[in-house]
Amino acid sequence: MEQLNRPDVESFKNQDKTPVIILLDNVRSMHNVGSTFRTADGFAVEKVVLCGITASPPHREIEKTALGATHSVAWEYHEQTIDAIRAFRSQGYTILAVEQAKGSIALQDFTPAPLQKYVVVFGNEVHGVSDEIMEEIDACLEIPQFGTKHSLNVSVTVGIIMWHFIQRLKL
């Protein structure tokens, strides 16, 4: 840790965070949940929010991919995604979804505002972000793809989106 210049867990909890909340909307794979925690730690995001059927720590299957990040990253659970979205909006967050949808913004064309706080919603591995939530968002981001599959794994998508935020806000 020292050679890599990484903070310990307590220092990490107290450091400035990237003003992004990652929200998982009914993500069913615990490995995807764990990977999201690990990515959230790597990019020092504000929080991970788990909603609906999304499993929450502590759980052995989450820890397989989180590798301890569930202890460093702040997180909370909401039974209803819509309640979480509305609560964060009332706190001044801009709500973004990552989805293939009419009117979506290609990721390379999106530049986050430096002083804005964001909630980025990632949906279920099969069904995506629910229609109910899509009606509540401020904008939709889409990662351009060129293969035969119509989507990327949710944990890969989280990594790509968070790298984009870090690249534009911190580098």
N, C-alpha and C. Protein backbone atom coordinates (compact mmCIF):
# COMPACT_ATOMS: atom_id res chain seq x y z
N MET A 1 0.83 -1.20 0.00
CA MET A 1 0.00 0.00 0.00
C MET A 1 0.88 1.26 0.00
N GLU A 2 1.89 1.25 0.82
CA GLU A 2 2.75 2.43 0.92
C GLU A 2 3.49 2.68 -0.39
N GLN A 3 4.01 1.61 -1.00
CA GLN A 3 4.73 1.76 -2.26
C GLN A 3 3.81 2.24 -3.38
N LEU A 4 2.56 1.83 -3.32
CA LEU A 4 1.60 2.26 -4.33
C LEU A 4 0.99 3.62 -4.02
N ASN A 5 1.35 4.17 -2.87
CA ASN A 5 0.81 5.46 -2.42
C ASN A 5 -0.71 5.44 -2.28
N ARG A 6 -1.21 4.37 -1.68
CA ARG A 6 -2.65 4.20 -1.46
C ARG A 6 -2.98 4.51 0.00
N PRO A 7 -4.15 5.13 0.23
CA PRO A 7 -4.54 5.41 1.61
C PRO A 7 -5.03 4.14 2.31
N ASP A 8 -4.97 4.13 3.63
CA ASP A 8 -5.61 3.05 4.36
C ASP A 8 -7.12 3.34 4.39
N VAL A 9 -7.90 2.40 4.90
CA VAL A 9 -9.36 2.52 4.85
C VAL A 9 -9.85 3.78 5.55
N GLU A 10 -9.33 4.06 6.72
CA GLU A 10 -9.79 5.25 7.46
C GLU A 10 -9.44 6.54 6.73
N SER A 11 -8.24 6.62 6.17
CA SER A 11 -7.86 7.81 5.40
C SER A 11 -8.74 7.96 4.17
N PHE A 12 -9.03 6.82 3.51
CA PHE A 12 -9.89 6.85 2.33
C PHE A 12 -11.28 7.39 2.69
N LYS A 13 -11.82 6.94 3.79
CA LYS A 13 -13.16 7.39 4.19
C LYS A 13 -13.21 8.90 4.40
N ASN A 14 -12.08 9.50 4.78
CA ASN A 14 -12.04 10.93 5.08
C ASN A 14 -11.57 11.79 3.92
N GLN A 15 -11.10 11.19 2.83
CA GLN A 15 -10.59 11.99 1.72
C GLN A 15 -11.73 12.55 0.88
N ASP A 16 -11.43 13.58 0.09
CA ASP A 16 -12.42 14.13 -0.83
C ASP A 16 -12.82 13.07 -1.83
N LYS A 17 -14.09 13.05 -2.16
CA LYS A 17 -14.63 12.05 -3.07
C LYS A 17 -15.04 12.67 -4.40
N THR A 18 -15.06 11.84 -5.42
CA THR A 18 -15.62 12.23 -6.71
C THR A 18 -17.13 12.40 -6.49
N PRO A 19 -17.71 13.52 -6.93
CA PRO A 19 -19.12 13.79 -6.62
C PRO A 19 -20.09 12.96 -7.45
N VAL A 20 -19.94 11.64 -7.35
CA VAL A 20 -20.78 10.71 -8.10
C VAL A 20 -21.26 9.61 -7.16
N ILE A 21 -22.54 9.31 -7.26
CA ILE A 21 -23.12 8.16 -6.58
C ILE A 21 -23.46 7.14 -7.66
N ILE A 22 -23.00 5.92 -7.47
CA ILE A 22 -23.34 4.83 -8.38
C ILE A 22 -24.57 4.15 -7.80
N LEU A 23 -25.63 4.07 -8.59
CA LEU A 23 -26.86 3.43 -8.15
C LEU A 23 -27.12 2.19 -9.00
N LEU A 24 -27.23 1.04 -8.35
CA LEU A 24 -27.53 -0.21 -9.05
C LEU A 24 -29.02 -0.50 -8.90
N ASP A 25 -29.71 -0.50 -10.04
CA ASP A 25 -31.16 -0.69 -10.10
C ASP A 25 -31.47 -2.16 -10.41
N ASN A 26 -31.73 -2.93 -9.38
CA ASN A 26 -32.10 -4.35 -9.54
C ASN A 26 -31.05 -5.19 -10.27
N VAL A 27 -29.80 -5.00 -9.89
CA VAL A 27 -28.71 -5.81 -10.45
C VAL A 27 -28.70 -7.14 -9.72
N ARG A 28 -28.77 -8.22 -10.46
CA ARG A 28 -28.95 -9.54 -9.84
C ARG A 28 -27.66 -10.27 -9.50
N SER A 29 -26.55 -9.99 -10.20
CA SER A 29 -25.31 -10.71 -9.97
C SER A 29 -24.51 -10.09 -8.82
N MET A 30 -24.23 -10.91 -7.83
CA MET A 30 -23.42 -10.42 -6.71
C MET A 30 -21.99 -10.13 -7.14
N HIS A 31 -21.52 -10.79 -8.18
CA HIS A 31 -20.18 -10.48 -8.70
C HIS A 31 -20.16 -9.08 -9.32
N ASN A 32 -21.25 -8.71 -9.99
CA ASN A 32 -21.34 -7.35 -10.51
C ASN A 32 -21.40 -6.33 -9.39
N VAL A 33 -22.08 -6.66 -8.32
CA VAL A 33 -22.15 -5.77 -7.16
C VAL A 33 -20.75 -5.60 -6.56
N GLY A 34 -20.06 -6.71 -6.36
CA GLY A 34 -18.70 -6.64 -5.80
C GLY A 34 -17.75 -5.85 -6.69
N SER A 35 -17.82 -6.09 -8.00
CA SER A 35 -16.97 -5.35 -8.93
C SER A 35 -17.28 -3.86 -8.89
N THR A 36 -18.55 -3.53 -8.72
CA THR A 36 -18.94 -2.11 -8.62
C THR A 36 -18.30 -1.48 -7.39
N PHE A 37 -18.32 -2.18 -6.27
CA PHE A 37 -17.67 -1.65 -5.07
C PHE A 37 -16.18 -1.42 -5.31
N ARG A 38 -15.55 -2.36 -5.96
CA ARG A 38 -14.11 -2.24 -6.21
C ARG A 38 -13.81 -1.05 -7.13
N THR A 39 -14.62 -0.86 -8.16
CA THR A 39 -14.47 0.30 -9.04
C THR A 39 -14.75 1.59 -8.28
N ALA A 40 -15.78 1.58 -7.44
CA ALA A 40 -16.11 2.77 -6.63
C ALA A 40 -14.95 3.16 -5.73
N ASP A 41 -14.28 2.17 -5.17
CA ASP A 41 -13.09 2.44 -4.36
C ASP A 41 -11.98 3.01 -5.23
N GLY A 42 -11.74 2.39 -6.37
CA GLY A 42 -10.65 2.82 -7.25
C GLY A 42 -10.79 4.25 -7.72
N PHE A 43 -12.01 4.70 -7.92
CA PHE A 43 -12.24 6.06 -8.39
C PHE A 43 -12.75 6.98 -7.28
N ALA A 44 -12.73 6.50 -6.04
CA ALA A 44 -13.10 7.30 -4.86
C ALA A 44 -14.45 8.00 -5.04
N VAL A 45 -15.47 7.22 -5.41
CA VAL A 45 -16.79 7.82 -5.56
C VAL A 45 -17.41 8.07 -4.19
N GLU A 46 -18.40 8.92 -4.18
CA GLU A 46 -19.06 9.30 -2.94
C GLU A 46 -19.75 8.12 -2.25
N LYS A 47 -20.45 7.29 -3.06
CA LYS A 47 -21.27 6.26 -2.44
C LYS A 47 -21.77 5.29 -3.51
N VAL A 48 -22.10 4.07 -3.06
CA VAL A 48 -22.81 3.11 -3.89
C VAL A 48 -24.19 2.92 -3.27
N VAL A 49 -25.22 2.97 -4.11
CA VAL A 49 -26.58 2.77 -3.64
C VAL A 49 -27.13 1.52 -4.31
N LEU A 50 -27.63 0.62 -3.49
CA LEU A 50 -28.15 -0.67 -3.94
C LEU A 50 -29.66 -0.64 -3.81
N CYS A 51 -30.36 -1.01 -4.89
CA CYS A 51 -31.82 -0.90 -4.86
C CYS A 51 -32.49 -2.19 -5.34
N GLY A 52 -33.69 -2.41 -4.81
CA GLY A 52 -34.52 -3.53 -5.26
C GLY A 52 -33.89 -4.87 -4.92
N ILE A 53 -33.76 -5.73 -5.94
CA ILE A 53 -33.23 -7.08 -5.72
C ILE A 53 -31.71 -7.12 -5.60
N THR A 54 -31.05 -5.98 -5.76
CA THR A 54 -29.59 -5.94 -5.67
C THR A 54 -29.16 -6.38 -4.27
N ALA A 55 -28.28 -7.36 -4.22
CA ALA A 55 -27.78 -7.87 -2.93
C ALA A 55 -26.87 -6.83 -2.28
N SER A 56 -26.81 -6.90 -0.96
CA SER A 56 -25.96 -5.97 -0.23
C SER A 56 -25.00 -6.72 0.69
N PRO A 57 -23.89 -6.09 1.03
CA PRO A 57 -22.93 -6.70 1.95
C PRO A 57 -23.54 -6.84 3.34
N PRO A 58 -23.00 -7.67 4.16
CA PRO A 58 -21.88 -8.57 3.86
C PRO A 58 -22.39 -9.84 3.17
N HIS A 59 -21.65 -10.26 2.17
CA HIS A 59 -21.96 -11.52 1.50
C HIS A 59 -20.70 -12.04 0.83
N ARG A 60 -20.47 -13.31 0.99
CA ARG A 60 -19.28 -13.97 0.46
C ARG A 60 -19.13 -13.76 -1.05
N GLU A 61 -20.23 -13.87 -1.79
CA GLU A 61 -20.17 -13.73 -3.25
C GLU A 61 -19.84 -12.30 -3.69
N ILE A 62 -20.28 -11.32 -2.92
CA ILE A 62 -19.92 -9.92 -3.21
C ILE A 62 -18.44 -9.71 -2.94
N GLU A 63 -17.97 -10.24 -1.83
CA GLU A 63 -16.57 -10.05 -1.43
C GLU A 63 -15.57 -10.70 -2.39
N LYS A 64 -16.00 -11.73 -3.13
CA LYS A 64 -15.10 -12.37 -4.09
C LYS A 64 -14.53 -11.36 -5.08
N THR A 65 -15.35 -10.41 -5.50
CA THR A 65 -14.87 -9.41 -6.45
C THR A 65 -14.62 -8.05 -5.80
N ALA A 66 -15.25 -7.75 -4.68
CA ALA A 66 -15.03 -6.47 -4.01
C ALA A 66 -13.66 -6.40 -3.35
N LEU A 67 -13.16 -7.55 -2.90
CA LEU A 67 -11.85 -7.62 -2.25
C LEU A 67 -11.68 -6.59 -1.13
N GLY A 68 -12.71 -6.44 -0.32
CA GLY A 68 -12.64 -5.54 0.83
C GLY A 68 -13.17 -4.15 0.60
N ALA A 69 -13.52 -3.81 -0.64
CA ALA A 69 -13.99 -2.45 -0.93
C ALA A 69 -15.32 -2.14 -0.26
N THR A 70 -16.05 -3.16 0.18
CA THR A 70 -17.31 -2.91 0.89
C THR A 70 -17.04 -2.27 2.25
N HIS A 71 -15.80 -2.32 2.71
CA HIS A 71 -15.44 -1.70 3.98
C HIS A 71 -14.96 -0.27 3.81
N SER A 72 -14.51 0.08 2.61
CA SER A 72 -13.99 1.43 2.40
C SER A 72 -15.03 2.36 1.75
N VAL A 73 -15.89 1.82 0.92
CA VAL A 73 -16.86 2.64 0.18
C VAL A 73 -18.16 2.75 0.97
N ALA A 74 -18.64 3.97 1.09
CA ALA A 74 -19.95 4.19 1.73
C ALA A 74 -21.03 3.60 0.84
N TRP A 75 -22.05 3.02 1.46
CA TRP A 75 -23.14 2.45 0.68
C TRP A 75 -24.42 2.48 1.49
N GLU A 76 -25.53 2.37 0.77
CA GLU A 76 -26.83 2.27 1.42
C GLU A 76 -27.76 1.46 0.54
N TYR A 77 -28.83 0.97 1.12
CA TYR A 77 -29.81 0.16 0.40
C TYR A 77 -31.17 0.85 0.45
N HIS A 78 -31.87 0.81 -0.69
CA HIS A 78 -33.24 1.30 -0.78
C HIS A 78 -34.08 0.21 -1.45
N GLU A 79 -35.18 -0.12 -0.86
CA GLU A 79 -36.05 -1.13 -1.45
C GLU A 79 -36.61 -0.66 -2.79
N GLN A 80 -37.00 0.60 -2.85
CA GLN A 80 -37.58 1.17 -4.07
C GLN A 80 -36.60 2.16 -4.70
N THR A 81 -36.20 1.87 -5.93
CA THR A 81 -35.26 2.75 -6.65
C THR A 81 -35.83 4.15 -6.79
N ILE A 82 -37.11 4.25 -7.07
CA ILE A 82 -37.74 5.56 -7.28
C ILE A 82 -37.61 6.45 -6.04
N ASP A 83 -37.71 5.86 -4.86
CA ASP A 83 -37.56 6.63 -3.62
C ASP A 83 -36.14 7.19 -3.49
N ALA A 84 -35.15 6.38 -3.84
CA ALA A 84 -33.76 6.84 -3.79
C ALA A 84 -33.53 7.98 -4.78
N ILE A 85 -34.02 7.80 -6.00
CA ILE A 85 -33.85 8.82 -7.05
C ILE A 85 -34.45 10.15 -6.60
N ARG A 86 -35.66 10.09 -6.09
CA ARG A 86 -36.33 11.33 -5.67
C ARG A 86 -35.63 11.98 -4.48
N ALA A 87 -35.11 11.18 -3.57
CA ALA A 87 -34.37 11.74 -2.42
C ALA A 87 -33.10 12.44 -2.89
N PHE A 88 -32.36 11.82 -3.80
CA PHE A 88 -31.13 12.45 -4.28
C PHE A 88 -31.42 13.69 -5.12
N ARG A 89 -32.48 13.65 -5.90
CA ARG A 89 -32.84 14.85 -6.67
C ARG A 89 -33.12 16.02 -5.72
N SER A 90 -33.83 15.75 -4.62
CA SER A 90 -34.14 16.82 -3.67
C SER A 90 -32.89 17.37 -2.99
N GLN A 91 -31.80 16.61 -3.06
CA GLN A 91 -30.52 17.07 -2.50
C GLN A 91 -29.63 17.74 -3.55
N GLY A 92 -30.17 17.95 -4.75
CA GLY A 92 -29.45 18.69 -5.78
C GLY A 92 -28.63 17.86 -6.75
N TYR A 93 -28.81 16.56 -6.74
CA TYR A 93 -28.08 15.70 -7.67
C TYR A 93 -28.74 15.71 -9.05
N THR A 94 -27.93 15.62 -10.09
CA THR A 94 -28.40 15.37 -11.44
C THR A 94 -28.46 13.87 -11.61
N ILE A 95 -29.57 13.37 -12.14
CA ILE A 95 -29.78 11.93 -12.27
C ILE A 95 -29.52 11.51 -13.72
N LEU A 96 -28.57 10.62 -13.89
CA LEU A 96 -28.22 10.09 -15.21
C LEU A 96 -28.47 8.59 -15.22
N ALA A 97 -28.90 8.08 -16.34
CA ALA A 97 -28.99 6.63 -16.53
C ALA A 97 -28.01 6.25 -17.62
N VAL A 98 -27.53 5.03 -17.56
CA VAL A 98 -26.71 4.49 -18.63
C VAL A 98 -27.56 3.43 -19.31
N GLU A 99 -27.96 3.75 -20.55
CA GLU A 99 -28.93 2.90 -21.23
C GLU A 99 -28.92 3.24 -22.71
N GLN A 100 -29.36 2.31 -23.52
CA GLN A 100 -29.58 2.58 -24.94
C GLN A 100 -31.03 3.02 -25.07
N ALA A 101 -31.20 4.30 -25.34
CA ALA A 101 -32.56 4.85 -25.37
C ALA A 101 -32.62 6.01 -26.35
N LYS A 102 -33.81 6.28 -26.82
CA LYS A 102 -34.03 7.42 -27.69
C LYS A 102 -33.60 8.69 -26.96
N GLY A 103 -32.81 9.52 -27.63
CA GLY A 103 -32.38 10.77 -27.03
C GLY A 103 -31.16 10.64 -26.13
N SER A 104 -30.56 9.46 -26.09
CA SER A 104 -29.38 9.30 -25.24
C SER A 104 -28.21 10.11 -25.79
N ILE A 105 -27.27 10.40 -24.91
CA ILE A 105 -26.07 11.16 -25.25
C ILE A 105 -24.91 10.17 -25.36
N ALA A 106 -24.22 10.17 -26.49
CA ALA A 106 -23.04 9.32 -26.62
C ALA A 106 -22.03 9.74 -25.55
N LEU A 107 -21.45 8.79 -24.88
CA LEU A 107 -20.57 9.09 -23.74
C LEU A 107 -19.49 10.09 -24.10
N GLN A 108 -18.89 9.96 -25.26
CA GLN A 108 -17.80 10.86 -25.64
C GLN A 108 -18.28 12.31 -25.80
N ASP A 109 -19.58 12.51 -25.93
CA ASP A 109 -20.14 13.85 -26.07
C ASP A 109 -20.61 14.46 -24.75
N PHE A 110 -20.45 13.72 -23.67
CA PHE A 110 -20.91 14.19 -22.36
C PHE A 110 -19.73 14.68 -21.53
N THR A 111 -19.84 15.90 -21.04
CA THR A 111 -18.82 16.43 -20.13
C THR A 111 -19.51 16.81 -18.82
N PRO A 112 -19.16 16.12 -17.73
CA PRO A 112 -19.78 16.47 -16.45
C PRO A 112 -19.36 17.86 -15.99
N ALA A 113 -20.29 18.56 -15.39
CA ALA A 113 -20.00 19.89 -14.86
C ALA A 113 -19.19 19.75 -13.58
N PRO A 114 -18.13 20.52 -13.45
CA PRO A 114 -17.22 20.36 -12.31
C PRO A 114 -17.85 20.53 -10.92
N LEU A 115 -18.84 21.36 -10.78
CA LEU A 115 -19.42 21.61 -9.46
C LEU A 115 -20.73 20.87 -9.24
N GLN A 116 -21.15 20.07 -10.19
CA GLN A 116 -22.41 19.34 -10.09
C GLN A 116 -22.19 17.98 -9.42
N LYS A 117 -23.21 17.52 -8.70
CA LYS A 117 -23.20 16.18 -8.11
C LYS A 117 -24.10 15.30 -8.96
N TYR A 118 -23.67 14.05 -9.15
CA TYR A 118 -24.39 13.13 -10.03
C TYR A 118 -24.76 11.83 -9.34
N VAL A 119 -25.91 11.29 -9.72
CA VAL A 119 -26.27 9.91 -9.45
C VAL A 119 -26.31 9.25 -10.82
N VAL A 120 -25.55 8.17 -10.98
CA VAL A 120 -25.54 7.45 -12.25
C VAL A 120 -26.18 6.09 -12.01
N VAL A 121 -27.27 5.83 -12.74
CA VAL A 121 -28.07 4.63 -12.55
C VAL A 121 -27.66 3.57 -13.58
N PHE A 122 -27.35 2.38 -13.07
CA PHE A 122 -27.03 1.22 -13.89
C PHE A 122 -28.10 0.17 -13.64
N GLY A 123 -28.62 -0.41 -14.72
CA GLY A 123 -29.77 -1.28 -14.60
C GLY A 123 -29.47 -2.76 -14.56
N ASN A 124 -30.55 -3.51 -14.47
CA ASN A 124 -30.55 -4.96 -14.44
C ASN A 124 -29.84 -5.52 -15.68
N GLU A 125 -29.14 -6.63 -15.48
CA GLU A 125 -28.35 -7.23 -16.55
C GLU A 125 -29.16 -7.64 -17.77
N VAL A 126 -30.42 -7.97 -17.60
CA VAL A 126 -31.26 -8.40 -18.72
C VAL A 126 -32.19 -7.27 -19.18
N HIS A 127 -32.84 -6.60 -18.26
CA HIS A 127 -33.88 -5.63 -18.59
C HIS A 127 -33.41 -4.18 -18.60
N GLY A 128 -32.20 -3.91 -18.14
CA GLY A 128 -31.70 -2.54 -18.12
C GLY A 128 -32.34 -1.70 -17.02
N VAL A 129 -32.26 -0.41 -17.19
CA VAL A 129 -32.88 0.53 -16.25
C VAL A 129 -34.38 0.50 -16.50
N SER A 130 -35.16 0.40 -15.44
CA SER A 130 -36.61 0.27 -15.58
C SER A 130 -37.23 1.51 -16.22
N ASP A 131 -38.36 1.31 -16.90
CA ASP A 131 -39.08 2.41 -17.54
C ASP A 131 -39.47 3.48 -16.51
N GLU A 132 -39.87 3.04 -15.33
CA GLU A 132 -40.25 3.98 -14.27
C GLU A 132 -39.09 4.93 -13.95
N ILE A 133 -37.90 4.41 -13.86
CA ILE A 133 -36.73 5.24 -13.55
C ILE A 133 -36.34 6.10 -14.75
N MET A 134 -36.45 5.55 -15.95
CA MET A 134 -36.12 6.33 -17.15
C MET A 134 -36.97 7.59 -17.27
N GLU A 135 -38.18 7.54 -16.73
CA GLU A 135 -39.05 8.71 -16.75
C GLU A 135 -38.60 9.78 -15.75
N GLU A 136 -37.75 9.41 -14.81
CA GLU A 136 -37.32 10.32 -13.74
C GLU A 136 -35.94 10.96 -13.98
N ILE A 137 -35.20 10.47 -14.96
CA ILE A 137 -33.82 10.92 -15.13
C ILE A 137 -33.72 12.28 -15.80
N ASP A 138 -32.56 12.91 -15.64
CA ASP A 138 -32.29 14.19 -16.30
C ASP A 138 -31.66 13.98 -17.68
N ALA A 139 -30.89 12.91 -17.82
CA ALA A 139 -30.26 12.60 -19.11
C ALA A 139 -29.86 11.14 -19.11
N CYS A 140 -29.64 10.63 -20.33
CA CYS A 140 -29.25 9.24 -20.50
C CYS A 140 -27.94 9.18 -21.28
N LEU A 141 -26.99 8.44 -20.75
CA LEU A 141 -25.70 8.25 -21.42
C LEU A 141 -25.68 6.90 -22.10
N GLU A 142 -25.01 6.83 -23.23
CA GLU A 142 -24.89 5.57 -23.96
C GLU A 142 -23.44 5.38 -24.40
N ILE A 143 -22.93 4.18 -24.18
CA ILE A 143 -21.59 3.82 -24.63
C ILE A 143 -21.72 3.26 -26.05
N PRO A 144 -21.10 3.89 -27.04
CA PRO A 144 -21.18 3.36 -28.39
C PRO A 144 -20.58 1.94 -28.45
N GLN A 145 -21.25 1.07 -29.18
CA GLN A 145 -20.81 -0.32 -29.33
C GLN A 145 -20.90 -0.73 -30.79
N PHE A 146 -20.07 -1.69 -31.20
CA PHE A 146 -19.95 -2.02 -32.61
C PHE A 146 -20.02 -3.52 -32.89
N GLY A 147 -20.35 -4.32 -31.89
CA GLY A 147 -20.40 -5.77 -32.08
C GLY A 147 -21.82 -6.28 -32.22
N THR A 148 -21.95 -7.58 -32.06
CA THR A 148 -23.26 -8.22 -32.23
C THR A 148 -24.12 -8.15 -30.98
N LYS A 149 -23.51 -8.01 -29.82
CA LYS A 149 -24.27 -7.93 -28.56
C LYS A 149 -24.80 -6.50 -28.37
N HIS A 150 -25.94 -6.40 -27.72
CA HIS A 150 -26.55 -5.08 -27.56
C HIS A 150 -26.20 -4.40 -26.25
N SER A 151 -25.37 -5.05 -25.42
CA SER A 151 -25.00 -4.40 -24.17
C SER A 151 -23.68 -4.96 -23.65
N LEU A 152 -23.10 -4.23 -22.72
CA LEU A 152 -21.90 -4.66 -22.02
C LEU A 152 -22.29 -5.16 -20.63
N ASN A 153 -21.44 -5.94 -20.02
CA ASN A 153 -21.65 -6.36 -18.63
C ASN A 153 -21.75 -5.10 -17.76
N VAL A 154 -22.63 -5.14 -16.78
CA VAL A 154 -22.85 -3.95 -15.96
C VAL A 154 -21.59 -3.51 -15.22
N SER A 155 -20.77 -4.43 -14.75
CA SER A 155 -19.55 -4.02 -14.04
C SER A 155 -18.54 -3.38 -14.99
N VAL A 156 -18.49 -3.85 -16.24
CA VAL A 156 -17.64 -3.21 -17.24
C VAL A 156 -18.15 -1.80 -17.53
N THR A 157 -19.46 -1.68 -17.66
CA THR A 157 -20.08 -0.39 -17.92
C THR A 157 -19.79 0.61 -16.80
N VAL A 158 -19.88 0.15 -15.56
CA VAL A 158 -19.55 1.02 -14.42
C VAL A 158 -18.12 1.54 -14.55
N GLY A 159 -17.20 0.66 -14.89
CA GLY A 159 -15.80 1.06 -15.03
C GLY A 159 -15.59 2.09 -16.13
N ILE A 160 -16.22 1.87 -17.28
CA ILE A 160 -16.08 2.80 -18.40
C ILE A 160 -16.65 4.17 -18.03
N ILE A 161 -17.83 4.18 -17.47
CA ILE A 161 -18.49 5.45 -17.11
C ILE A 161 -17.69 6.20 -16.06
N MET A 162 -17.23 5.47 -15.04
CA MET A 162 -16.47 6.15 -13.98
C MET A 162 -15.13 6.67 -14.50
N TRP A 163 -14.48 5.92 -15.38
CA TRP A 163 -13.24 6.42 -15.97
C TRP A 163 -13.51 7.72 -16.74
N HIS A 164 -14.62 7.79 -17.46
CA HIS A 164 -14.98 8.99 -18.20
C HIS A 164 -15.13 10.18 -17.23
N PHE A 165 -15.83 9.98 -16.13
CA PHE A 165 -15.98 11.05 -15.13
C PHE A 165 -14.64 11.48 -14.58
N ILE A 166 -13.79 10.53 -14.21
CA ILE A 166 -12.48 10.86 -13.64
C ILE A 166 -11.63 11.60 -14.66
N GLN A 167 -11.63 11.12 -15.88
CA GLN A 167 -10.84 11.74 -16.94
C GLN A 167 -11.26 13.20 -17.14
N ARG A 168 -12.56 13.45 -17.12
CA ARG A 168 -13.06 14.80 -17.38
C ARG A 168 -13.00 15.71 -16.14
N LEU A 169 -13.13 15.13 -14.95
CA LEU A 169 -13.19 15.96 -13.75
C LEU A 169 -11.86 16.10 -13.00
N LYS A 170 -11.00 15.09 -13.09
CA LYS A 170 -9.81 15.10 -12.23
C LYS A 170 -8.47 15.07 -12.96
N LEU A 171 -8.47 14.67 -14.23
CA LEU A 171 -7.17 14.52 -14.91
C LEU A 171 -6.92 15.67 -15.88
